[in-house]
Amino acid sequence: MLFWLARGAFFVPTPRRVVPRVILMLNLRKGEKATDLGSSDGRLVIALAQAGGIAHGFEHNPLLVWRSRQSIKKEGLTETAFVHWRNFWKADLSSFDAVVVYGIPYIMRRLEKKLRAELRPGARVVSCSFPFPTWKPVVQEKAIYLYVK
């Protein structure tokens, strides 16, 4: 049972000092729909909602989903922040205006293809730590990459 609960990528939360930079890069407008793929403890989902977005996180670890939902409730954001216990590979991302991912190198090629196929023109994507293999960032600040479809 413990193996099942801990499957997938390791829990490595986005450093708190990076969160404001990600939000600034996305330039999220009030009411835009944003997602964090692999939302871990929900800190980016909360920040996206606090910035005025309708924020959705996708997380496969049920303990992290529970933790995120508790944090969202504590912050009073249950109308604008949501974490789904779901694999983002199976999610339709076409309705999102902004995407955040703290991926790992071996998924980036496949994720780039998924985002290019599903996102509408003008959608913004921020990748923390790892760039996409062929997509050229419009802005790069240290290891944070902003892409626009």
Protein backbone atom coordinates (compact mmCIF):
# COMPACT_ATOMS: atom_id res chain seq x y z
CA MET A 1 0.00 0.00 0.00
CA LEU A 2 2.73 2.50 0.84
CA PHE A 3 4.37 1.89 -2.54
CA TRP A 4 1.10 2.72 -4.27
CA LEU A 5 0.75 5.95 -2.30
CA ALA A 6 4.29 7.00 -3.19
CA ARG A 7 4.34 6.04 -6.87
CA GLY A 8 5.48 8.45 -9.58
CA ALA A 9 7.81 11.40 -9.29
CA PHE A 10 9.32 12.30 -5.96
CA PHE A 11 7.68 15.07 -3.97
CA VAL A 12 9.88 18.09 -4.64
CA PRO A 13 7.89 21.26 -3.97
CA THR A 14 8.61 24.41 -5.94
CA PRO A 15 10.86 26.55 -3.75
CA ARG A 16 8.84 29.32 -2.09
CA ARG A 17 11.22 31.98 -3.43
CA VAL A 18 10.42 30.86 -7.01
CA VAL A 19 6.62 31.10 -6.71
CA PRO A 20 6.36 34.92 -7.06
CA ARG A 21 8.65 34.86 -10.12
CA VAL A 22 6.48 32.20 -11.77
CA ILE A 23 3.31 34.21 -11.10
CA LEU A 24 4.93 37.39 -12.45
CA MET A 25 6.12 35.62 -15.62
CA LEU A 26 2.66 34.24 -16.34
CA ASN A 27 1.10 37.71 -16.12
CA LEU A 28 -2.16 36.06 -15.13
CA ARG A 29 -5.27 38.15 -15.72
CA LYS A 30 -8.31 37.99 -13.45
CA GLY A 31 -10.51 35.01 -14.30
CA GLU A 32 -7.99 33.25 -16.53
CA LYS A 33 -7.84 29.51 -16.12
CA ALA A 34 -4.46 28.20 -14.95
CA THR A 35 -3.09 24.79 -14.07
CA ASP A 36 -0.14 23.32 -12.24
CA LEU A 37 0.78 19.91 -13.63
CA GLY A 38 1.99 17.74 -10.77
CA SER A 39 0.81 20.23 -8.17
CA SER A 40 2.40 18.51 -5.13
CA ASP A 41 1.48 20.47 -1.97
CA GLY A 42 -0.66 23.02 -3.84
CA ARG A 43 1.47 26.11 -3.22
CA LEU A 44 1.40 27.14 -6.89
CA VAL A 45 -2.32 26.43 -7.21
CA ILE A 46 -2.91 28.71 -4.23
CA ALA A 47 -0.63 31.41 -5.65
CA LEU A 48 -2.38 31.23 -9.04
CA ALA A 49 -5.77 31.68 -7.36
CA GLN A 50 -4.47 34.54 -5.19
CA ALA A 51 -3.23 36.21 -8.40
CA GLY A 52 -6.81 36.23 -9.71
CA GLY A 53 -6.86 33.02 -11.70
CA ILE A 54 -9.16 30.04 -11.58
CA ALA A 55 -6.51 27.51 -10.60
CA HIS A 56 -6.50 23.76 -11.08
CA GLY A 57 -3.80 21.36 -10.00
CA PHE A 58 -3.34 17.79 -11.16
CA GLU A 59 -1.67 15.45 -8.69
CA HIS A 60 -1.51 11.64 -8.63
CA ASN A 61 -0.47 11.26 -4.98
CA PRO A 62 -3.64 11.13 -2.85
CA LEU A 63 -1.84 12.32 0.29
CA LEU A 64 -0.63 15.44 -1.51
CA VAL A 65 -4.11 16.03 -2.94
CA TRP A 66 -5.52 15.89 0.58
CA ARG A 67 -2.81 18.23 1.89
CA SER A 68 -3.41 20.67 -0.97
CA ARG A 69 -7.15 20.72 -0.42
CA GLN A 70 -6.63 21.42 3.28
CA SER A 71 -4.34 24.34 2.45
CA ILE A 72 -6.82 25.70 -0.10
CA LYS A 73 -9.59 25.54 2.50
CA LYS A 74 -7.37 27.26 5.09
CA GLU A 75 -6.67 30.09 2.62
CA GLY A 76 -10.38 30.51 1.83
CA LEU A 77 -9.91 29.75 -1.87
CA THR A 78 -12.37 26.88 -2.38
CA GLU A 79 -14.22 28.84 -5.10
CA THR A 80 -11.11 29.51 -7.22
CA ALA A 81 -8.56 26.79 -6.42
CA PHE A 82 -9.00 23.07 -7.06
CA VAL A 83 -6.71 20.06 -6.93
CA HIS A 84 -7.71 16.96 -8.86
CA TRP A 85 -6.51 13.47 -7.98
CA ARG A 86 -5.71 12.68 -11.58
CA ASN A 87 -2.85 11.98 -13.93
CA PHE A 88 -2.34 15.12 -16.05
CA TRP A 89 -1.40 12.99 -19.07
CA LYS A 90 -5.06 11.97 -19.25
CA ALA A 91 -6.41 15.49 -18.74
CA ASP A 92 -7.61 17.71 -21.57
CA LEU A 93 -5.62 20.94 -21.19
CA SER A 94 -7.28 22.85 -24.04
CA SER A 95 -9.26 25.19 -21.76
CA PHE A 96 -6.25 26.56 -19.89
CA ASP A 97 -4.73 29.98 -20.50
CA ALA A 98 -1.67 29.33 -18.34
CA VAL A 99 0.26 26.20 -17.39
CA VAL A 100 3.00 25.66 -14.83
CA VAL A 101 5.16 22.56 -14.74
CA TYR A 102 8.11 21.54 -12.61
CA GLY A 103 8.87 18.56 -14.80
CA ILE A 104 11.75 16.16 -14.97
CA PRO A 105 13.93 15.81 -18.06
CA TYR A 106 12.59 12.51 -19.37
CA ILE A 107 8.98 13.79 -19.67
CA MET A 108 9.70 17.13 -21.34
CA ARG A 109 9.64 15.98 -24.98
CA ARG A 110 6.32 14.18 -24.56
CA LEU A 111 4.86 17.05 -22.53
CA GLU A 112 5.93 19.58 -25.14
CA LYS A 113 4.00 17.62 -27.78
CA LYS A 114 0.91 17.40 -25.55
CA LEU A 115 0.94 21.13 -24.80
CA ARG A 116 1.49 22.14 -28.42
CA ALA A 117 -1.37 19.88 -29.52
CA GLU A 118 -3.86 20.88 -26.82
CA LEU A 119 -3.27 24.50 -25.84
CA ARG A 120 -4.85 27.31 -27.83
CA PRO A 121 -2.78 30.12 -29.37
CA GLY A 122 -1.60 32.65 -26.81
CA ALA A 123 -1.53 30.21 -23.91
CA ARG A 124 1.45 30.72 -21.61
CA VAL A 125 3.56 27.95 -20.14
CA VAL A 126 6.17 28.28 -17.40
CA SER A 127 8.59 25.44 -16.88
CA CYS A 128 10.70 25.45 -13.74
CA SER A 129 14.19 23.96 -13.86
CA PHE A 130 13.93 22.06 -17.13
CA PRO A 131 13.34 23.53 -20.62
CA PHE A 132 11.38 21.90 -23.39
CA PRO A 133 13.65 20.27 -25.98
CA THR A 134 12.58 22.19 -29.11
CA TRP A 135 10.22 24.95 -27.96
CA LYS A 136 12.08 28.26 -27.63
CA PRO A 137 11.33 30.30 -24.51
CA VAL A 138 10.29 33.92 -24.97
CA VAL A 139 11.77 34.73 -21.56
CA GLN A 140 14.30 32.87 -19.44
CA GLU A 141 15.15 33.95 -15.92
CA LYS A 142 17.74 31.61 -14.45
CA ALA A 143 16.05 28.19 -14.63
CA ILE A 144 12.51 29.47 -15.21
CA TYR A 145 11.32 29.38 -18.81
CA LEU A 146 8.28 31.16 -20.26
CA TYR A 147 6.78 29.84 -23.49
CA VAL A 148 3.87 31.26 -25.48
CA LYS A 149 1.98 29.10 -27.92
